[in-house]
Structures are given as C-alpha cells and as structure tokens.
Amino acid sequence: MIRQLYDKTIALAESRHALWALAAVAFLESSVFPIPPDVLMIPMILAAPRRAWLIAGVALVASVLGGLLGYWIGAQVFETVGRPVLEFYGKDAYFEDFSARYNDFGAWAVLIAGVTPFPYKVITILSGSTGLSLPVFVVASIAARALRFFLVAALLWKFGPPIRDFIERRLGMLFVLFVVALVGGFYVVRYL
C-alpha cells in the first residue's frame, strides 16, 4: 500500500498541477499522510531549479497549515482521530509517558520532529493534545520546516541531480546528528 502511494505521489511531481499536489501532500503529511513532501519537492526542483525557492515556500506554508490541522486533531478530536494516527505509527504507548513532560520541551520537540525523519504529524497531534502554547508551536514549526525545505531546495538548486541520492538517503541522518549535537551542546552548557 505505501509503495503504491509513493508511486502515485511521484507521478504527481510530473503533472502540471505539481505545486497544488505538493501543497496537498505537505498539508496532509503534517497531520495524517505517511509520504513526506520531499518525495515531490526533489523531482520538481530538479526539473525546474529556478523555481526551487517557490517550491520550498509552498511546502513550508502548506506544511505549517497542515501542522495546525494536526494540532487541532490533538486538541479537539484526539480520541477519535489522533489516537488512531499515533497507533498507526506505533507511538500510542509512548504517548502516555511523554505527554506528562511534553510541554516543558514542546518547542524543541516540534523543532526536532520538523527537521528529522521522525513523523512530524505525531508531534503536531501531541502538541494539540497536551495544550502546547499555539504561538510556540507555530514559531517552532515555521523554523523547523523552513530549515528542512529550504536546505533541500538550496542543495538541489546548487548541486542538481548529483546531490539527489545524498538527500534521499543521508540528509535525514545528518539532521538527526545535527539535532543530537545541538541538544548535547545545550546540555553541556547548562549542566557542566
């Protein structure tokens, strides 16, 4: 099923409605959809590098708006919609322990999920269900998603097709390492 969805998503990148498709995928990925917008962004930017910033901007705006939908799901319909989404991603058991401490580090969680391969939709739903400050959520979402989408756009714009494999296979891991180094640095500064 996921492979069919992936193939259909790739086909959308080649259509004349690709920007609208990207907006839809970025919006839905932030709350319920399993395929990340990068799957559309990468072939779109490679096909039209001069539009890289527009493509990244569309992904950013749609993703943050979709994140607000995820926040609403968590705040208003968690039991009927949010919990099944968390169960689908295997994060439901994790929710109970995590939600008690979430708001202490909520902005960091949003930033980390927004740039790493961790499902961003899980964090958007958790943010709403735990009552994370909406302005904190929005600012952290904008920062994280802008970093992710504009970095991908910049790499593709600058290096073109040779960087595609790197982005698809290794950029997520580099984001994870960056976040670990960042959090570790803050820990060292604060506690040592």
N, C-alpha and C. Protein backbone atom coordinates (compact mmCIF):
# COMPACT_ATOMS: atom_id res chain seq x y z
N MET A 1 0.81 -1.19 0.00
CA MET A 1 0.00 0.00 0.00
C MET A 1 0.87 1.27 0.00
N ILE A 2 1.88 1.32 0.86
CA ILE A 2 2.75 2.50 0.94
C ILE A 2 3.48 2.69 -0.38
N ARG A 3 3.92 1.61 -1.00
CA ARG A 3 4.63 1.71 -2.27
C ARG A 3 3.74 2.30 -3.36
N GLN A 4 2.49 1.89 -3.41
CA GLN A 4 1.54 2.44 -4.39
C GLN A 4 1.33 3.94 -4.15
N LEU A 5 1.21 4.32 -2.88
CA LEU A 5 1.05 5.74 -2.54
C LEU A 5 2.28 6.52 -2.97
N TYR A 6 3.46 5.95 -2.73
CA TYR A 6 4.72 6.59 -3.11
C TYR A 6 4.76 6.79 -4.63
N ASP A 7 4.42 5.75 -5.39
CA ASP A 7 4.45 5.83 -6.85
C ASP A 7 3.47 6.89 -7.37
N LYS A 8 2.29 6.95 -6.79
CA LYS A 8 1.30 7.96 -7.19
C LYS A 8 1.80 9.37 -6.86
N THR A 9 2.45 9.49 -5.72
CA THR A 9 2.99 10.79 -5.31
C THR A 9 4.07 11.25 -6.28
N ILE A 10 4.95 10.36 -6.68
CA ILE A 10 5.99 10.68 -7.66
C ILE A 10 5.36 11.11 -8.99
N ALA A 11 4.32 10.42 -9.41
CA ALA A 11 3.64 10.77 -10.67
C ALA A 11 3.08 12.19 -10.60
N LEU A 12 2.64 12.61 -9.43
CA LEU A 12 2.12 13.97 -9.27
C LEU A 12 3.19 15.02 -9.55
N ALA A 13 4.44 14.71 -9.24
CA ALA A 13 5.54 15.67 -9.45
C ALA A 13 5.71 16.02 -10.91
N GLU A 14 5.26 15.16 -11.79
CA GLU A 14 5.42 15.38 -13.22
C GLU A 14 4.20 16.05 -13.86
N SER A 15 3.14 16.25 -13.09
CA SER A 15 1.93 16.83 -13.66
C SER A 15 1.99 18.36 -13.67
N ARG A 16 1.10 18.97 -14.44
CA ARG A 16 1.08 20.43 -14.49
C ARG A 16 0.48 21.02 -13.21
N HIS A 17 -0.09 20.17 -12.39
CA HIS A 17 -0.66 20.60 -11.12
C HIS A 17 0.27 20.26 -9.96
N ALA A 18 1.56 20.15 -10.25
CA ALA A 18 2.52 19.69 -9.25
C ALA A 18 2.56 20.58 -8.01
N LEU A 19 2.51 21.90 -8.17
CA LEU A 19 2.56 22.79 -7.00
C LEU A 19 1.35 22.56 -6.09
N TRP A 20 0.18 22.39 -6.70
CA TRP A 20 -1.01 22.11 -5.89
C TRP A 20 -0.89 20.76 -5.22
N ALA A 21 -0.36 19.79 -5.94
CA ALA A 21 -0.16 18.46 -5.36
C ALA A 21 0.83 18.53 -4.20
N LEU A 22 1.91 19.29 -4.39
CA LEU A 22 2.88 19.47 -3.31
C LEU A 22 2.23 20.10 -2.09
N ALA A 23 1.42 21.13 -2.31
CA ALA A 23 0.73 21.78 -1.19
C ALA A 23 -0.17 20.78 -0.47
N ALA A 24 -0.89 19.96 -1.22
CA ALA A 24 -1.78 18.98 -0.61
C ALA A 24 -0.99 17.93 0.18
N VAL A 25 0.09 17.42 -0.41
CA VAL A 25 0.90 16.41 0.27
C VAL A 25 1.55 17.00 1.52
N ALA A 26 2.11 18.20 1.42
CA ALA A 26 2.75 18.84 2.58
C ALA A 26 1.74 19.10 3.69
N PHE A 27 0.55 19.53 3.31
CA PHE A 27 -0.52 19.80 4.29
C PHE A 27 -0.92 18.50 5.00
N LEU A 28 -1.21 17.47 4.21
CA LEU A 28 -1.68 16.22 4.79
C LEU A 28 -0.58 15.47 5.55
N GLU A 29 0.66 15.58 5.09
CA GLU A 29 1.77 14.90 5.77
C GLU A 29 1.96 15.43 7.18
N SER A 30 1.60 16.66 7.41
CA SER A 30 1.79 17.25 8.73
C SER A 30 0.74 16.80 9.74
N SER A 31 -0.27 16.10 9.27
CA SER A 31 -1.30 15.66 10.21
C SER A 31 -1.65 14.17 10.09
N VAL A 32 -1.66 13.59 8.88
CA VAL A 32 -2.07 12.19 8.77
C VAL A 32 -1.36 11.38 7.69
N PHE A 33 -0.84 11.98 6.64
CA PHE A 33 -0.34 11.28 5.45
C PHE A 33 1.06 10.73 5.69
N PRO A 34 1.35 9.49 5.25
CA PRO A 34 2.65 8.88 5.54
C PRO A 34 3.80 9.28 4.61
N ILE A 35 3.53 9.89 3.46
CA ILE A 35 4.59 10.20 2.50
C ILE A 35 5.04 11.66 2.68
N PRO A 36 6.35 11.91 2.89
CA PRO A 36 6.82 13.29 3.10
C PRO A 36 6.82 14.10 1.80
N PRO A 37 6.67 15.42 1.91
CA PRO A 37 6.64 16.26 0.72
C PRO A 37 7.95 16.26 -0.07
N ASP A 38 9.03 15.86 0.54
CA ASP A 38 10.32 15.79 -0.15
C ASP A 38 10.24 14.92 -1.40
N VAL A 39 9.37 13.91 -1.36
CA VAL A 39 9.19 12.99 -2.48
C VAL A 39 8.74 13.76 -3.73
N LEU A 40 7.95 14.79 -3.54
CA LEU A 40 7.53 15.65 -4.65
C LEU A 40 8.53 16.77 -4.90
N MET A 41 9.02 17.36 -3.83
CA MET A 41 9.93 18.50 -3.96
C MET A 41 11.16 18.18 -4.79
N ILE A 42 11.78 17.06 -4.52
CA ILE A 42 13.05 16.73 -5.17
C ILE A 42 12.92 16.67 -6.69
N PRO A 43 12.00 15.88 -7.25
CA PRO A 43 11.90 15.87 -8.71
C PRO A 43 11.41 17.20 -9.28
N MET A 44 10.57 17.93 -8.53
CA MET A 44 10.09 19.22 -9.01
C MET A 44 11.23 20.23 -9.13
N ILE A 45 12.10 20.26 -8.13
CA ILE A 45 13.22 21.21 -8.14
C ILE A 45 14.25 20.80 -9.19
N LEU A 46 14.49 19.50 -9.32
CA LEU A 46 15.43 19.06 -10.35
C LEU A 46 14.93 19.40 -11.75
N ALA A 47 13.62 19.34 -11.94
CA ALA A 47 13.04 19.66 -13.25
C ALA A 47 13.03 21.17 -13.52
N ALA A 48 12.92 21.99 -12.46
CA ALA A 48 12.85 23.45 -12.63
C ALA A 48 13.61 24.13 -11.49
N PRO A 49 14.96 24.10 -11.52
CA PRO A 49 15.76 24.66 -10.43
C PRO A 49 15.48 26.14 -10.15
N ARG A 50 15.09 26.89 -11.17
CA ARG A 50 14.81 28.31 -10.96
C ARG A 50 13.60 28.54 -10.06
N ARG A 51 12.78 27.49 -9.87
CA ARG A 51 11.59 27.58 -9.02
C ARG A 51 11.82 26.97 -7.64
N ALA A 52 13.07 26.67 -7.31
CA ALA A 52 13.37 25.97 -6.05
C ALA A 52 12.80 26.69 -4.84
N TRP A 53 12.95 28.01 -4.80
CA TRP A 53 12.50 28.76 -3.61
C TRP A 53 10.98 28.81 -3.53
N LEU A 54 10.32 28.92 -4.67
CA LEU A 54 8.86 28.88 -4.69
C LEU A 54 8.36 27.51 -4.21
N ILE A 55 8.98 26.47 -4.70
CA ILE A 55 8.59 25.11 -4.31
C ILE A 55 8.78 24.91 -2.81
N ALA A 56 9.92 25.33 -2.29
CA ALA A 56 10.16 25.21 -0.84
C ALA A 56 9.17 26.06 -0.05
N GLY A 57 8.85 27.24 -0.55
CA GLY A 57 7.89 28.11 0.13
C GLY A 57 6.50 27.51 0.18
N VAL A 58 6.07 26.91 -0.92
CA VAL A 58 4.76 26.25 -0.95
C VAL A 58 4.75 25.10 0.06
N ALA A 59 5.82 24.30 0.09
CA ALA A 59 5.90 23.20 1.05
C ALA A 59 5.86 23.72 2.48
N LEU A 60 6.58 24.80 2.74
CA LEU A 60 6.61 25.38 4.08
C LEU A 60 5.23 25.84 4.53
N VAL A 61 4.59 26.67 3.73
CA VAL A 61 3.29 27.22 4.12
C VAL A 61 2.26 26.10 4.31
N ALA A 62 2.21 25.18 3.34
CA ALA A 62 1.23 24.09 3.43
C ALA A 62 1.52 23.18 4.61
N SER A 63 2.79 22.93 4.88
CA SER A 63 3.16 22.07 6.00
C SER A 63 2.78 22.68 7.34
N VAL A 64 3.03 23.96 7.51
CA VAL A 64 2.67 24.63 8.77
C VAL A 64 1.15 24.66 8.93
N LEU A 65 0.43 24.93 7.84
CA LEU A 65 -1.03 24.91 7.92
C LEU A 65 -1.53 23.49 8.24
N GLY A 66 -0.91 22.49 7.64
CA GLY A 66 -1.25 21.10 7.98
C GLY A 66 -0.90 20.77 9.42
N GLY A 67 0.19 21.36 9.91
CA GLY A 67 0.56 21.18 11.31
C GLY A 67 -0.51 21.74 12.24
N LEU A 68 -1.13 22.85 11.82
CA LEU A 68 -2.24 23.41 12.61
C LEU A 68 -3.44 22.46 12.62
N LEU A 69 -3.66 21.76 11.50
CA LEU A 69 -4.70 20.74 11.49
C LEU A 69 -4.35 19.62 12.47
N GLY A 70 -3.10 19.18 12.46
CA GLY A 70 -2.66 18.16 13.41
C GLY A 70 -2.82 18.63 14.85
N TYR A 71 -2.48 19.89 15.11
CA TYR A 71 -2.66 20.47 16.45
C TYR A 71 -4.14 20.42 16.84
N TRP A 72 -5.02 20.80 15.91
CA TRP A 72 -6.45 20.78 16.17
C TRP A 72 -6.93 19.35 16.43
N ILE A 73 -6.43 18.39 15.64
CA ILE A 73 -6.80 16.99 15.87
C ILE A 73 -6.44 16.59 17.30
N GLY A 74 -5.24 16.95 17.73
CA GLY A 74 -4.82 16.61 19.09
C GLY A 74 -5.64 17.31 20.15
N ALA A 75 -6.01 18.55 19.90
CA ALA A 75 -6.75 19.34 20.89
C ALA A 75 -8.23 19.00 20.93
N GLN A 76 -8.82 18.69 19.78
CA GLN A 76 -10.28 18.57 19.72
C GLN A 76 -10.81 17.15 19.48
N VAL A 77 -10.11 16.37 18.71
CA VAL A 77 -10.63 15.04 18.37
C VAL A 77 -9.56 13.96 18.58
N PHE A 78 -8.83 14.08 19.67
CA PHE A 78 -7.71 13.17 19.91
C PHE A 78 -8.16 11.71 19.98
N GLU A 79 -9.16 11.42 20.75
CA GLU A 79 -9.57 10.03 20.94
C GLU A 79 -10.09 9.38 19.66
N THR A 80 -10.81 10.13 18.84
CA THR A 80 -11.40 9.53 17.65
C THR A 80 -10.49 9.57 16.42
N VAL A 81 -9.61 10.58 16.32
CA VAL A 81 -8.74 10.70 15.15
C VAL A 81 -7.26 10.61 15.54
N GLY A 82 -6.86 11.38 16.54
CA GLY A 82 -5.45 11.47 16.92
C GLY A 82 -4.85 10.17 17.40
N ARG A 83 -5.55 9.49 18.30
CA ARG A 83 -5.02 8.23 18.83
C ARG A 83 -4.85 7.18 17.72
N PRO A 84 -5.81 7.00 16.80
CA PRO A 84 -5.58 6.04 15.71
C PRO A 84 -4.36 6.39 14.83
N VAL A 85 -4.11 7.68 14.61
CA VAL A 85 -2.92 8.07 13.84
C VAL A 85 -1.66 7.67 14.61
N LEU A 86 -1.64 7.94 15.92
CA LEU A 86 -0.48 7.55 16.73
C LEU A 86 -0.31 6.03 16.75
N GLU A 87 -1.43 5.29 16.80
CA GLU A 87 -1.35 3.83 16.77
C GLU A 87 -0.77 3.34 15.44
N PHE A 88 -1.18 3.98 14.34
CA PHE A 88 -0.67 3.61 13.02
C PHE A 88 0.85 3.73 12.97
N TYR A 89 1.41 4.77 13.59
CA TYR A 89 2.85 4.99 13.60
C TYR A 89 3.54 4.33 14.79
N GLY A 90 2.78 3.55 15.58
CA GLY A 90 3.36 2.82 16.71
C GLY A 90 3.80 3.72 17.85
N LYS A 91 3.16 4.87 18.00
CA LYS A 91 3.57 5.83 19.03
C LYS A 91 2.53 5.98 20.14
N ASP A 92 1.47 5.16 20.15
CA ASP A 92 0.41 5.33 21.13
C ASP A 92 0.86 5.00 22.55
N ALA A 93 1.63 3.94 22.76
CA ALA A 93 2.11 3.60 24.10
C ALA A 93 3.06 4.68 24.62
N TYR A 94 3.82 5.22 23.73
CA TYR A 94 4.78 6.28 24.03
C TYR A 94 4.08 7.55 24.52
N PHE A 95 2.86 7.77 24.05
CA PHE A 95 2.13 9.00 24.33
C PHE A 95 1.89 9.24 25.81
N GLU A 96 1.47 8.23 26.54
CA GLU A 96 1.11 8.41 27.95
C GLU A 96 2.29 8.95 28.78
N ASP A 97 3.46 8.32 28.63
CA ASP A 97 4.64 8.77 29.37
C ASP A 97 5.11 10.14 28.91
N PHE A 98 5.08 10.32 27.63
CA PHE A 98 5.63 11.54 27.03
C PHE A 98 4.77 12.77 27.32
N SER A 99 3.45 12.62 27.31
CA SER A 99 2.57 13.78 27.42
C SER A 99 2.72 14.53 28.74
N ALA A 100 3.08 13.83 29.80
CA ALA A 100 3.24 14.48 31.10
C ALA A 100 4.38 15.50 31.10
N ARG A 101 5.44 15.24 30.36
CA ARG A 101 6.61 16.12 30.32
C ARG A 101 6.70 16.96 29.05
N TYR A 102 5.80 16.75 28.14
CA TYR A 102 5.90 17.32 26.80
C TYR A 102 6.02 18.83 26.77
N ASN A 103 5.18 19.54 27.49
CA ASN A 103 5.17 20.99 27.37
C ASN A 103 6.43 21.66 27.90
N ASP A 104 7.19 20.97 28.76
CA ASP A 104 8.46 21.53 29.21
C ASP A 104 9.45 21.66 28.05
N PHE A 105 9.36 20.76 27.09
CA PHE A 105 10.29 20.74 25.97
C PHE A 105 9.58 20.77 24.62
N GLY A 106 8.32 21.18 24.61
CA GLY A 106 7.49 21.12 23.41
C GLY A 106 8.08 21.82 22.20
N ALA A 107 8.64 23.01 22.39
CA ALA A 107 9.22 23.73 21.25
C ALA A 107 10.38 22.93 20.64
N TRP A 108 11.20 22.32 21.49
CA TRP A 108 12.31 21.50 21.00
C TRP A 108 11.79 20.28 20.26
N ALA A 109 10.73 19.68 20.80
CA ALA A 109 10.15 18.51 20.14
C ALA A 109 9.64 18.87 18.74
N VAL A 110 8.99 20.01 18.63
CA VAL A 110 8.48 20.45 17.33
C VAL A 110 9.65 20.72 16.38
N LEU A 111 10.68 21.39 16.87
CA LEU A 111 11.86 21.66 16.04
C LEU A 111 12.52 20.37 15.57
N ILE A 112 12.70 19.44 16.49
CA ILE A 112 13.37 18.19 16.15
C ILE A 112 12.55 17.38 15.15
N ALA A 113 11.26 17.24 15.42
CA ALA A 113 10.41 16.47 14.50
C ALA A 113 10.26 17.16 13.15
N GLY A 114 10.33 18.48 13.16
CA GLY A 114 10.17 19.22 11.91
C GLY A 114 11.33 19.08 10.94
N VAL A 115 12.51 18.72 11.44
CA VAL A 115 13.67 18.61 10.55
C VAL A 115 14.20 17.18 10.41
N THR A 116 13.83 16.30 11.32
CA THR A 116 14.34 14.92 11.27
C THR A 116 13.32 13.99 10.62
N PRO A 117 13.70 12.74 10.39
CA PRO A 117 12.76 11.78 9.81
C PRO A 117 11.64 11.36 10.77
N PHE A 118 11.70 11.77 12.04
CA PHE A 118 10.61 11.45 12.98
C PHE A 118 9.31 12.01 12.41
N PRO A 119 8.22 11.24 12.47
CA PRO A 119 6.96 11.72 11.86
C PRO A 119 6.46 13.02 12.51
N TYR A 120 6.52 14.09 11.76
CA TYR A 120 6.10 15.41 12.23
C TYR A 120 4.65 15.39 12.69
N LYS A 121 3.82 14.60 12.02
CA LYS A 121 2.40 14.53 12.37
C LYS A 121 2.19 14.07 13.80
N VAL A 122 3.05 13.21 14.31
CA VAL A 122 2.94 12.74 15.69
C VAL A 122 3.12 13.93 16.64
N ILE A 123 4.08 14.78 16.36
CA ILE A 123 4.34 15.94 17.21
C ILE A 123 3.23 16.97 17.10
N THR A 124 2.67 17.16 15.90
CA THR A 124 1.58 18.13 15.78
C THR A 124 0.39 17.69 16.61
N ILE A 125 0.07 16.40 16.57
CA ILE A 125 -1.06 15.88 17.35
C ILE A 125 -0.75 15.94 18.84
N LEU A 126 0.46 15.56 19.23
CA LEU A 126 0.85 15.64 20.64
C LEU A 126 0.81 17.08 21.15
N SER A 127 1.22 18.01 20.33
CA SER A 127 1.21 19.42 20.74
C SER A 127 -0.20 19.89 21.06
N GLY A 128 -1.15 19.51 20.23
CA GLY A 128 -2.54 19.89 20.49
C GLY A 128 -3.13 19.16 21.68
N SER A 129 -2.83 17.88 21.82
CA SER A 129 -3.42 17.10 22.90
C SER A 129 -2.88 17.48 24.27
N THR A 130 -1.65 17.99 24.31
CA THR A 130 -1.07 18.40 25.60
C THR A 130 -1.24 19.88 25.87
N GLY A 131 -1.81 20.60 24.90
CA GLY A 131 -2.05 22.03 25.10
C GLY A 131 -0.79 22.88 25.00
N LEU A 132 0.19 22.47 24.20
CA LEU A 132 1.37 23.30 23.98
C LEU A 132 0.91 24.66 23.49
N SER A 133 1.54 25.71 23.95
CA SER A 133 1.20 27.06 23.52
C SER A 133 1.16 27.13 22.00
N LEU A 134 0.05 27.62 21.45
CA LEU A 134 -0.10 27.68 19.99
C LEU A 134 0.96 28.58 19.35
N PRO A 135 1.25 29.78 19.89
CA PRO A 135 2.31 30.59 19.29
C PRO A 135 3.67 29.88 19.30
N VAL A 136 3.99 29.18 20.38
CA VAL A 136 5.25 28.43 20.45
C VAL A 136 5.26 27.36 19.37
N PHE A 137 4.14 26.66 19.23
CA PHE A 137 4.03 25.62 18.22
C PHE A 137 4.23 26.19 16.81
N VAL A 138 3.58 27.29 16.51
CA VAL A 138 3.65 27.88 15.17
C VAL A 138 5.07 28.36 14.86
N VAL A 139 5.70 29.07 15.78
CA VAL A 139 7.06 29.58 15.55
C VAL A 139 8.04 28.42 15.37
N ALA A 140 7.95 27.41 16.23
CA ALA A 140 8.85 26.26 16.12
C ALA A 140 8.61 25.51 14.81
N SER A 141 7.35 25.39 14.39
CA SER A 141 7.03 24.71 13.14
C SER A 141 7.59 25.47 11.95
N ILE A 142 7.42 26.78 11.94
CA ILE A 142 7.95 27.58 10.83
C ILE A 142 9.47 27.44 10.75
N ALA A 143 10.13 27.56 11.89
CA ALA A 143 11.60 27.46 11.90
C ALA A 143 12.06 26.08 11.41
N ALA A 144 11.46 25.03 11.93
CA ALA A 144 11.88 23.68 11.58
C ALA A 144 11.61 23.35 10.12
N ARG A 145 10.40 23.62 9.68
CA ARG A 145 10.04 23.27 8.31
C ARG A 145 10.79 24.14 7.30
N ALA A 146 11.00 25.41 7.62
CA ALA A 146 11.78 26.27 6.72
C ALA A 146 13.20 25.74 6.59
N LEU A 147 13.81 25.37 7.71
CA LEU A 147 15.17 24.81 7.66
C LEU A 147 15.19 23.57 6.78
N ARG A 148 14.26 22.68 6.99
CA ARG A 148 14.25 21.44 6.22
C ARG A 148 14.01 21.68 4.73
N PHE A 149 12.95 22.38 4.38
CA PHE A 149 12.58 22.52 2.97
C PHE A 149 13.54 23.44 2.21
N PHE A 150 13.98 24.51 2.84
CA PHE A 150 14.87 25.43 2.12
C PHE A 150 16.28 24.87 2.02
N LEU A 151 16.70 24.05 2.96
CA LEU A 151 18.00 23.39 2.83
C LEU A 151 17.98 22.39 1.66
N VAL A 152 16.92 21.61 1.58
CA VAL A 152 16.78 20.68 0.45
C VAL A 152 16.77 21.46 -0.87
N ALA A 153 15.99 22.54 -0.92
CA ALA A 153 15.91 23.36 -2.14
C ALA A 153 17.28 23.95 -2.49
N ALA A 154 17.99 24.45 -1.49
CA ALA A 154 19.30 25.05 -1.74
C ALA A 154 20.30 24.02 -2.28
N LEU A 155 20.31 22.84 -1.67
CA LEU A 155 21.23 21.79 -2.14
C LEU A 155 20.92 21.38 -3.58
N LEU A 156 19.64 21.21 -3.88
CA LEU A 156 19.25 20.82 -5.24
C LEU A 156 19.51 21.94 -6.23
N TRP A 157 19.25 23.18 -5.83
CA TRP A 157 19.48 24.33 -6.71
C TRP A 157 20.97 24.46 -7.04
N LYS A 158 21.80 24.28 -6.01
CA LYS A 158 23.24 24.46 -6.18
C LYS A 158 23.91 23.28 -6.89
N PHE A 159 23.56 22.05 -6.50
CA PHE A 159 24.30 20.88 -6.98
C PHE A 159 23.53 20.02 -7.98
N GLY A 160 22.22 20.21 -8.09
CA GLY A 160 21.42 19.47 -9.07
C GLY A 160 21.33 17.98 -8.82
N PRO A 161 21.17 17.19 -9.89
CA PRO A 161 20.96 15.74 -9.75
C PRO A 161 22.02 14.99 -8.94
N PRO A 162 23.31 15.36 -8.97
CA PRO A 162 24.28 14.59 -8.18
C PRO A 162 23.99 14.57 -6.67
N ILE A 163 23.29 15.56 -6.15
CA ILE A 163 23.02 15.62 -4.71
C ILE A 163 21.75 14.85 -4.34
N ARG A 164 20.98 14.43 -5.33
CA ARG A 164 19.70 13.77 -5.06
C ARG A 164 19.87 12.53 -4.18
N ASP A 165 20.79 11.66 -4.52
CA ASP A 165 21.00 10.44 -3.74
C ASP A 165 21.36 10.78 -2.29
N PHE A 166 22.23 11.76 -2.13
CA PHE A 166 22.63 12.18 -0.79
C PHE A 166 21.42 12.63 0.01
N ILE A 167 20.57 13.45 -0.58
CA ILE A 167 19.39 13.96 0.12
C ILE A 167 18.44 12.82 0.48
N GLU A 168 18.17 11.96 -0.48
CA GLU A 168 17.21 10.89 -0.25
C GLU A 168 17.70 9.86 0.76
N ARG A 169 18.98 9.63 0.81
CA ARG A 169 19.50 8.57 1.68
C ARG A 169 20.14 9.06 2.97
N ARG A 170 20.72 10.25 2.96
CA ARG A 170 21.54 10.63 4.10
C ARG A 170 21.16 11.93 4.80
N LEU A 171 20.35 12.77 4.18
CA LEU A 171 20.05 14.06 4.79
C LEU A 171 19.29 13.90 6.10
N GLY A 172 18.37 12.94 6.16
CA GLY A 172 17.64 12.70 7.41
C GLY A 172 18.59 12.36 8.54
N MET A 173 19.57 11.52 8.26
CA MET A 173 20.55 11.15 9.30
C MET A 173 21.40 12.35 9.69
N LEU A 174 21.76 13.20 8.74
CA LEU A 174 22.52 14.39 9.08
C LEU A 174 21.70 15.34 9.96
N PHE A 175 20.41 15.46 9.68
CA PHE A 175 19.55 16.27 10.55
C PHE A 175 19.51 15.69 11.96
N VAL A 176 19.42 14.37 12.06
CA VAL A 176 19.40 13.72 13.38
C VAL A 176 20.70 14.02 14.12
N LEU A 177 21.83 13.87 13.43
CA LEU A 177 23.13 14.15 14.07
C LEU A 177 23.24 15.62 14.47
N PHE A 178 22.74 16.52 13.63
CA PHE A 178 22.74 17.94 13.95
C PHE A 178 21.94 18.20 15.22
N VAL A 179 20.76 17.61 15.32
CA VAL A 179 19.90 17.81 16.49
C VAL A 179 20.57 17.24 17.74
N VAL A 180 21.15 16.06 17.63
CA VAL A 180 21.85 15.47 18.77
C VAL A 180 22.98 16.38 19.23
N ALA A 181 23.76 16.90 18.30
CA ALA A 181 24.85 17.81 18.66
C ALA A 181 24.32 19.09 19.29
N LEU A 182 23.24 19.61 18.74
CA LEU A 182 22.64 20.83 19.27
C LEU A 182 22.13 20.63 20.69
N VAL A 183 21.35 19.57 20.91
CA VAL A 183 20.82 19.28 22.24
C VAL A 183 21.96 18.96 23.20
N GLY A 184 22.93 18.18 22.74
CA GLY A 184 24.09 17.88 23.59
C GLY A 184 24.85 19.13 23.97
N GLY A 185 24.99 20.05 23.03
CA GLY A 185 25.67 21.32 23.33
C GLY A 185 24.93 22.13 24.38
N PHE A 186 23.61 22.20 24.26
CA PHE A 186 22.82 22.92 25.26
C PHE A 186 22.92 22.24 26.62
N TYR A 187 22.93 20.91 26.63
CA TYR A 187 23.06 20.18 27.89
C TYR A 187 24.40 20.48 28.56
N VAL A 188 25.46 20.44 27.79
CA VAL A 188 26.80 20.72 28.32
C VAL A 188 26.88 22.13 28.88
N VAL A 189 26.37 23.09 28.14
CA VAL A 189 26.40 24.48 28.59
C VAL A 189 25.58 24.67 29.86
N ARG A 190 24.45 24.01 29.94
CA ARG A 190 23.55 24.22 31.08
C ARG A 190 23.99 23.46 32.33
N TYR A 191 24.47 22.24 32.18
CA TYR A 191 24.72 21.39 33.34
C TYR A 191 26.19 21.17 33.67
N LEU A 192 27.11 21.63 32.85
CA LEU A 192 28.53 21.40 33.16
C LEU A 192 29.25 22.71 33.38
